[in-house]
All heavy atoms as atom14 arrays in JSON, in Angstrom:
{
  "sequence": "NPTYSGSVKGRFAISRDNAKNTVYLQMYSLKPED",
  "atom14_mask": [
    [1, 1, 1, 1, 1, 1, 1, 1, 0, 0, 0, 0, 0, 0],
    [1, 1, 1, 1, 1, 1, 1, 0, 0, 0, 0, 0, 0, 0],
    [1, 1, 1, 1, 1, 1, 1, 0, 0, 0, 0, 0, 0, 0],
    [1, 1, 1, 1, 1, 1, 1, 1, 1, 1, 1, 1, 0, 0],
    [1, 1, 1, 1, 1, 1, 0, 0, 0, 0, 0, 0, 0, 0],
    [1, 1, 1, 1, 0, 0, 0, 0, 0, 0, 0, 0, 0, 0],
    [1, 1, 1, 1, 1, 1, 0, 0, 0, 0, 0, 0, 0, 0],
    [1, 1, 1, 1, 1, 1, 1, 0, 0, 0, 0, 0, 0, 0],
    [1, 1, 1, 1, 1, 1, 1, 1, 1, 0, 0, 0, 0, 0],
    [1, 1, 1, 1, 0, 0, 0, 0, 0, 0, 0, 0, 0, 0],
    [1, 1, 1, 1, 1, 1, 1, 1, 1, 1, 1, 0, 0, 0],
    [1, 1, 1, 1, 1, 1, 1, 1, 1, 1, 1, 0, 0, 0],
    [1, 1, 1, 1, 1, 0, 0, 0, 0, 0, 0, 0, 0, 0],
    [1, 1, 1, 1, 1, 1, 1, 1, 0, 0, 0, 0, 0, 0],
    [1, 1, 1, 1, 1, 1, 0, 0, 0, 0, 0, 0, 0, 0],
    [1, 1, 1, 1, 1, 1, 1, 1, 1, 1, 1, 0, 0, 0],
    [1, 1, 1, 1, 1, 1, 1, 1, 0, 0, 0, 0, 0, 0],
    [1, 1, 1, 1, 1, 1, 1, 1, 0, 0, 0, 0, 0, 0],
    [1, 1, 1, 1, 1, 0, 0, 0, 0, 0, 0, 0, 0, 0],
    [1, 1, 1, 1, 1, 1, 1, 1, 1, 0, 0, 0, 0, 0],
    [1, 1, 1, 1, 1, 1, 1, 1, 0, 0, 0, 0, 0, 0],
    [1, 1, 1, 1, 1, 1, 1, 0, 0, 0, 0, 0, 0, 0],
    [1, 1, 1, 1, 1, 1, 1, 0, 0, 0, 0, 0, 0, 0],
    [1, 1, 1, 1, 1, 1, 1, 1, 1, 1, 1, 1, 0, 0],
    [1, 1, 1, 1, 1, 1, 1, 1, 0, 0, 0, 0, 0, 0],
    [1, 1, 1, 1, 1, 1, 1, 1, 1, 0, 0, 0, 0, 0],
    [1, 1, 1, 1, 1, 1, 1, 1, 0, 0, 0, 0, 0, 0],
    [1, 1, 1, 1, 1, 1, 1, 1, 1, 1, 1, 1, 0, 0],
    [1, 1, 1, 1, 1, 1, 0, 0, 0, 0, 0, 0, 0, 0],
    [1, 1, 1, 1, 1, 1, 1, 1, 0, 0, 0, 0, 0, 0],
    [1, 1, 1, 1, 1, 1, 1, 1, 1, 0, 0, 0, 0, 0],
    [1, 1, 1, 1, 1, 1, 1, 0, 0, 0, 0, 0, 0, 0],
    [1, 1, 1, 1, 1, 1, 1, 1, 1, 0, 0, 0, 0, 0],
    [1, 1, 1, 1, 1, 1, 1, 1, 0, 0, 0, 0, 0, 0]
  ],
  "atom14_positions": [
    [[-31.72, 194.95, 6.17], [-30.64, 194.72, 7.1], [-30.44, 193.23, 7.34], [-31.39, 192.57, 7.73], [-30.89, 195.44, 8.43], [-30.77, 196.93, 8.32], [-30.03, 197.43, 7.44], [-31.39, 197.66, 9.2], [0.0, 0.0, 0.0], [0.0, 0.0, 0.0], [0.0, 0.0, 0.0], [0.0, 0.0, 0.0], [0.0, 0.0, 0.0], [0.0, 0.0, 0.0]],
    [[-29.24, 192.71, 7.14], [-29.01, 191.27, 7.32], [-28.4, 190.99, 8.7], [-27.77, 191.79, 9.32], [-27.98, 190.98, 6.21], [-27.16, 192.27, 6.16], [-28.1, 193.41, 6.47], [0.0, 0.0, 0.0], [0.0, 0.0, 0.0], [0.0, 0.0, 0.0], [0.0, 0.0, 0.0], [0.0, 0.0, 0.0], [0.0, 0.0, 0.0], [0.0, 0.0, 0.0]],
    [[-28.65, 189.78, 9.12], [-28.05, 189.21, 10.27], [-27.56, 187.82, 9.95], [-28.17, 187.14, 9.1], [-28.97, 189.17, 11.5], [-30.15, 188.39, 11.17], [-29.4, 190.56, 11.9], [0.0, 0.0, 0.0], [0.0, 0.0, 0.0], [0.0, 0.0, 0.0], [0.0, 0.0, 0.0], [0.0, 0.0, 0.0], [0.0, 0.0, 0.0], [0.0, 0.0, 0.0]],
    [[-26.52, 187.36, 10.65], [-25.92, 186.06, 10.34], [-25.52, 185.35, 11.6], [-25.21, 185.98, 12.63], [-24.67, 186.19, 9.45], [-24.92, 186.88, 8.17], [-24.64, 188.25, 8.0], [-25.43, 186.22, 7.08], [-24.89, 188.92, 6.84], [-25.66, 186.88, 5.85], [-25.4, 188.21, 5.76], [-25.64, 188.84, 4.58], [0.0, 0.0, 0.0], [0.0, 0.0, 0.0]],
    [[-25.58, 184.04, 11.57], [-25.04, 183.3, 12.69], [-23.49, 183.29, 12.59], [-22.95, 183.53, 11.48], [-25.56, 181.84, 12.63], [-25.0, 181.15, 11.52], [0.0, 0.0, 0.0], [0.0, 0.0, 0.0], [0.0, 0.0, 0.0], [0.0, 0.0, 0.0], [0.0, 0.0, 0.0], [0.0, 0.0, 0.0], [0.0, 0.0, 0.0], [0.0, 0.0, 0.0]],
    [[-22.87, 182.99, 13.66], [-21.4, 183.0, 13.69], [-20.78, 182.0, 12.77], [-19.69, 182.23, 12.25], [0.0, 0.0, 0.0], [0.0, 0.0, 0.0], [0.0, 0.0, 0.0], [0.0, 0.0, 0.0], [0.0, 0.0, 0.0], [0.0, 0.0, 0.0], [0.0, 0.0, 0.0], [0.0, 0.0, 0.0], [0.0, 0.0, 0.0], [0.0, 0.0, 0.0]],
    [[-21.47, 180.9, 12.47], [-20.89, 179.86, 11.64], [-20.82, 180.23, 10.19], [-20.05, 179.63, 9.42], [-21.73, 178.55, 11.81], [-23.03, 178.73, 11.4], [0.0, 0.0, 0.0], [0.0, 0.0, 0.0], [0.0, 0.0, 0.0], [0.0, 0.0, 0.0], [0.0, 0.0, 0.0], [0.0, 0.0, 0.0], [0.0, 0.0, 0.0], [0.0, 0.0, 0.0]],
    [[-21.6, 181.2, 9.75], [-21.62, 181.58, 8.37], [-21.23, 183.01, 8.12], [-21.04, 183.39, 6.96], [-23.01, 181.32, 7.7], [-23.46, 179.9, 7.97], [-24.05, 182.34, 8.22], [0.0, 0.0, 0.0], [0.0, 0.0, 0.0], [0.0, 0.0, 0.0], [0.0, 0.0, 0.0], [0.0, 0.0, 0.0], [0.0, 0.0, 0.0], [0.0, 0.0, 0.0]],
    [[-21.06, 183.78, 9.18], [-20.73, 185.2, 9.02], [-19.43, 185.35, 8.26], [-18.46, 184.7, 8.52], [-20.58, 185.84, 10.39], [-20.37, 187.36, 10.35], [-20.27, 187.91, 11.76], [-20.06, 189.42, 11.74], [-19.93, 189.98, 13.07], [0.0, 0.0, 0.0], [0.0, 0.0, 0.0], [0.0, 0.0, 0.0], [0.0, 0.0, 0.0], [0.0, 0.0, 0.0]],
    [[-19.45, 186.22, 7.29], [-18.28, 186.44, 6.42], [-18.22, 185.55, 5.22], [-17.42, 185.81, 4.31], [0.0, 0.0, 0.0], [0.0, 0.0, 0.0], [0.0, 0.0, 0.0], [0.0, 0.0, 0.0], [0.0, 0.0, 0.0], [0.0, 0.0, 0.0], [0.0, 0.0, 0.0], [0.0, 0.0, 0.0], [0.0, 0.0, 0.0], [0.0, 0.0, 0.0]],
    [[-19.05, 184.52, 5.17], [-19.05, 183.62, 4.05], [-20.37, 183.63, 3.28], [-20.35, 183.38, 2.02], [-18.8, 182.18, 4.5], [-17.43, 181.98, 5.16], [-17.17, 180.47, 5.42], [-18.14, 179.9, 6.33], [-18.95, 178.88, 6.03], [-18.91, 178.31, 4.82], [-19.79, 178.39, 6.92], [0.0, 0.0, 0.0], [0.0, 0.0, 0.0], [0.0, 0.0, 0.0]],
    [[-21.46, 183.9, 3.98], [-22.77, 183.89, 3.33], [-23.3, 185.31, 3.25], [-22.97, 186.15, 4.13], [-23.77, 183.06, 4.08], [-23.51, 181.57, 4.07], [-22.35, 181.02, 3.51], [-24.46, 180.7, 4.63], [-22.12, 179.65, 3.51], [-24.24, 179.36, 4.66], [-23.06, 178.81, 4.08], [0.0, 0.0, 0.0], [0.0, 0.0, 0.0], [0.0, 0.0, 0.0]],
    [[-24.09, 185.61, 2.26], [-24.74, 186.92, 2.11], [-26.21, 186.72, 1.73], [-26.51, 186.07, 0.76], [-24.0, 187.72, 1.06], [0.0, 0.0, 0.0], [0.0, 0.0, 0.0], [0.0, 0.0, 0.0], [0.0, 0.0, 0.0], [0.0, 0.0, 0.0], [0.0, 0.0, 0.0], [0.0, 0.0, 0.0], [0.0, 0.0, 0.0], [0.0, 0.0, 0.0]],
    [[-27.06, 187.31, 2.57], [-28.49, 187.27, 2.27], [-28.92, 188.58, 1.64], [-28.43, 189.64, 2.0], [-29.27, 186.97, 3.55], [-30.77, 186.73, 3.25], [-29.1, 188.06, 4.57], [-31.58, 186.23, 4.45], [0.0, 0.0, 0.0], [0.0, 0.0, 0.0], [0.0, 0.0, 0.0], [0.0, 0.0, 0.0], [0.0, 0.0, 0.0], [0.0, 0.0, 0.0]],
    [[-29.8, 188.5, 0.67], [-30.33, 189.68, 0.03], [-31.76, 189.39, -0.42], [-32.18, 188.27, -0.42], [-29.43, 190.07, -1.16], [-29.4, 189.04, -2.14], [0.0, 0.0, 0.0], [0.0, 0.0, 0.0], [0.0, 0.0, 0.0], [0.0, 0.0, 0.0], [0.0, 0.0, 0.0], [0.0, 0.0, 0.0], [0.0, 0.0, 0.0], [0.0, 0.0, 0.0]],
    [[-32.45, 190.45, -0.8], [-33.81, 190.28, -1.25], [-34.09, 191.19, -2.42], [-33.55, 192.31, -2.55], [-34.79, 190.52, -0.15], [-34.81, 191.93, 0.43], [-35.65, 192.0, 1.75], [-37.03, 191.71, 1.53], [-37.89, 191.47, 2.5], [-37.51, 191.44, 3.78], [-39.19, 191.26, 2.22], [0.0, 0.0, 0.0], [0.0, 0.0, 0.0], [0.0, 0.0, 0.0]],
    [[-34.98, 190.71, -3.32], [-35.46, 191.48, -4.43], [-36.98, 191.5, -4.27], [-37.7, 190.54, -4.61], [-35.06, 190.82, -5.76], [-35.47, 191.66, -6.96], [-36.38, 192.5, -6.85], [-34.83, 191.48, -8.02], [0.0, 0.0, 0.0], [0.0, 0.0, 0.0], [0.0, 0.0, 0.0], [0.0, 0.0, 0.0], [0.0, 0.0, 0.0], [0.0, 0.0, 0.0]],
    [[-37.45, 192.6, -3.69], [-38.89, 192.66, -3.38], [-39.78, 192.64, -4.63], [-40.88, 192.17, -4.6], [-39.14, 193.95, -2.57], [-38.58, 193.85, -1.18], [-38.38, 192.78, -0.62], [-38.24, 195.03, -0.58], [0.0, 0.0, 0.0], [0.0, 0.0, 0.0], [0.0, 0.0, 0.0], [0.0, 0.0, 0.0], [0.0, 0.0, 0.0], [0.0, 0.0, 0.0]],
    [[-39.27, 193.21, -5.72], [-40.05, 193.2, -6.95], [-40.26, 191.82, -7.47], [-41.27, 191.53, -8.11], [-39.31, 194.04, -8.03], [0.0, 0.0, 0.0], [0.0, 0.0, 0.0], [0.0, 0.0, 0.0], [0.0, 0.0, 0.0], [0.0, 0.0, 0.0], [0.0, 0.0, 0.0], [0.0, 0.0, 0.0], [0.0, 0.0, 0.0], [0.0, 0.0, 0.0]],
    [[-39.35, 190.88, -7.16], [-39.47, 189.49, -7.61], [-39.99, 188.61, -6.5], [-40.1, 187.37, -6.7], [-38.12, 188.96, -8.11], [-37.61, 189.66, -9.33], [-36.33, 189.05, -9.83], [-35.83, 189.74, -11.1], [-34.55, 189.17, -11.56], [0.0, 0.0, 0.0], [0.0, 0.0, 0.0], [0.0, 0.0, 0.0], [0.0, 0.0, 0.0], [0.0, 0.0, 0.0]],
    [[-40.25, 189.16, -5.33], [-40.68, 188.37, -4.19], [-39.7, 187.21, -3.9], [-40.11, 186.1, -3.63], [-42.11, 187.85, -4.33], [-43.13, 188.94, -4.34], [-43.03, 189.89, -3.55], [-44.11, 188.86, -5.23], [0.0, 0.0, 0.0], [0.0, 0.0, 0.0], [0.0, 0.0, 0.0], [0.0, 0.0, 0.0], [0.0, 0.0, 0.0], [0.0, 0.0, 0.0]],
    [[-38.43, 187.52, -3.99], [-37.42, 186.5, -3.87], [-36.31, 186.96, -2.9], [-35.9, 188.11, -2.92], [-36.82, 186.19, -5.23], [-37.81, 185.72, -6.11], [-35.73, 185.1, -5.13], [0.0, 0.0, 0.0], [0.0, 0.0, 0.0], [0.0, 0.0, 0.0], [0.0, 0.0, 0.0], [0.0, 0.0, 0.0], [0.0, 0.0, 0.0], [0.0, 0.0, 0.0]],
    [[-35.85, 186.01, -2.11], [-34.72, 186.23, -1.22], [-33.63, 185.24, -1.61], [-33.92, 184.1, -1.98], [-35.13, 186.01, 0.27], [-33.92, 186.1, 1.18], [-36.14, 187.06, 0.65], [0.0, 0.0, 0.0], [0.0, 0.0, 0.0], [0.0, 0.0, 0.0], [0.0, 0.0, 0.0], [0.0, 0.0, 0.0], [0.0, 0.0, 0.0], [0.0, 0.0, 0.0]],
    [[-32.42, 185.73, -1.57], [-31.26, 184.93, -1.98], [-30.31, 184.64, -0.83], [-30.26, 185.44, 0.15], [-30.5, 185.63, -3.1], [-31.35, 185.99, -4.3], [-31.91, 187.28, -4.41], [-31.59, 185.07, -5.32], [-32.68, 187.59, -5.48], [-32.38, 185.42, -6.37], [-32.92, 186.69, -6.46], [-33.68, 187.02, -7.57], [0.0, 0.0, 0.0], [0.0, 0.0, 0.0]],
    [[-29.59, 183.59, -0.92], [-28.51, 183.31, -0.01], [-27.31, 182.95, -0.86], [-27.26, 181.81, -1.43], [-28.86, 182.18, 0.97], [-27.8, 181.92, 2.04], [-27.71, 183.09, 3.02], [-28.11, 180.64, 2.76], [0.0, 0.0, 0.0], [0.0, 0.0, 0.0], [0.0, 0.0, 0.0], [0.0, 0.0, 0.0], [0.0, 0.0, 0.0], [0.0, 0.0, 0.0]],
    [[-26.35, 183.87, -0.94], [-25.11, 183.58, -1.68], [-24.15, 183.01, -0.69], [-23.82, 183.59, 0.36], [-24.56, 184.89, -2.26], [-23.26, 184.7, -3.03], [-23.44, 183.89, -4.28], [-24.24, 184.26, -5.15], [-22.71, 182.79, -4.39], [0.0, 0.0, 0.0], [0.0, 0.0, 0.0], [0.0, 0.0, 0.0], [0.0, 0.0, 0.0], [0.0, 0.0, 0.0]],
    [[-23.65, 181.85, -1.01], [-22.77, 181.07, -0.12], [-21.4, 180.92, -0.77], [-21.28, 180.44, -1.9], [-23.34, 179.74, 0.23], [-24.74, 179.78, 0.79], [-25.4, 178.18, 1.3], [-25.45, 177.31, -0.28], [0.0, 0.0, 0.0], [0.0, 0.0, 0.0], [0.0, 0.0, 0.0], [0.0, 0.0, 0.0], [0.0, 0.0, 0.0], [0.0, 0.0, 0.0]],
    [[-20.34, 181.37, -0.07], [-18.96, 181.26, -0.5], [-18.21, 180.4, 0.48], [-18.6, 180.19, 1.62], [-18.32, 182.63, -0.62], [-18.97, 183.56, -1.58], [-19.8, 184.6, -1.15], [-18.69, 183.46, -2.95], [-20.34, 185.52, -2.07], [-19.24, 184.35, -3.87], [-20.05, 185.36, -3.41], [-20.64, 186.27, -4.3], [0.0, 0.0, 0.0], [0.0, 0.0, 0.0]],
    [[-17.05, 179.91, 0.02], [-16.14, 179.21, 0.89], [-16.87, 178.1, 1.67], [-16.69, 177.97, 2.86], [-15.45, 180.16, 1.85], [-14.71, 181.17, 1.16], [0.0, 0.0, 0.0], [0.0, 0.0, 0.0], [0.0, 0.0, 0.0], [0.0, 0.0, 0.0], [0.0, 0.0, 0.0], [0.0, 0.0, 0.0], [0.0, 0.0, 0.0], [0.0, 0.0, 0.0]],
    [[-17.59, 177.32, 0.93], [-18.41, 176.27, 1.56], [-17.57, 175.18, 2.18], [-16.51, 174.83, 1.67], [-19.37, 175.67, 0.55], [-20.57, 176.54, 0.24], [-21.23, 176.12, -1.07], [-21.59, 176.52, 1.37], [0.0, 0.0, 0.0], [0.0, 0.0, 0.0], [0.0, 0.0, 0.0], [0.0, 0.0, 0.0], [0.0, 0.0, 0.0], [0.0, 0.0, 0.0]],
    [[-18.01, 174.7, 3.3], [-17.34, 173.7, 4.08], [-18.2, 172.44, 4.19], [-19.42, 172.54, 4.06], [-17.04, 174.21, 5.48], [-16.26, 175.49, 5.49], [-16.11, 176.02, 6.95], [-15.39, 177.35, 7.04], [-15.27, 177.84, 8.44], [0.0, 0.0, 0.0], [0.0, 0.0, 0.0], [0.0, 0.0, 0.0], [0.0, 0.0, 0.0], [0.0, 0.0, 0.0]],
    [[-17.61, 171.28, 4.42], [-18.43, 170.08, 4.62], [-19.5, 170.21, 5.68], [-20.57, 169.69, 5.55], [-17.4, 169.02, 4.96], [-16.14, 169.46, 4.28], [-16.16, 170.97, 4.42], [0.0, 0.0, 0.0], [0.0, 0.0, 0.0], [0.0, 0.0, 0.0], [0.0, 0.0, 0.0], [0.0, 0.0, 0.0], [0.0, 0.0, 0.0], [0.0, 0.0, 0.0]],
    [[-19.19, 170.98, 6.73], [-20.13, 171.17, 7.78], [-21.33, 172.04, 7.39], [-22.29, 172.14, 8.15], [-19.5, 171.73, 9.06], [-18.63, 172.94, 8.8], [-17.18, 172.64, 8.66], [-16.85, 171.64, 7.96], [-16.36, 173.33, 9.25], [0.0, 0.0, 0.0], [0.0, 0.0, 0.0], [0.0, 0.0, 0.0], [0.0, 0.0, 0.0], [0.0, 0.0, 0.0]],
    [[-21.26, 172.61, 6.2], [-22.41, 173.35, 5.68], [-23.44, 172.44, 5.05], [-24.54, 172.91, 4.68], [-21.99, 174.39, 4.67], [-21.12, 175.49, 5.22], [-21.43, 175.96, 6.35], [-20.14, 175.9, 4.57], [0.0, 0.0, 0.0], [0.0, 0.0, 0.0], [0.0, 0.0, 0.0], [0.0, 0.0, 0.0], [0.0, 0.0, 0.0], [0.0, 0.0, 0.0]]
  ]
}
């Protein structure tokens, strides 16, 4: 289950691959303030 701050909600997506012991952050529509 993911949670997001208001500043990135709708633009970023967090996911995990437990088999690879890896967590990802997919970032879209990036802004200079990011």
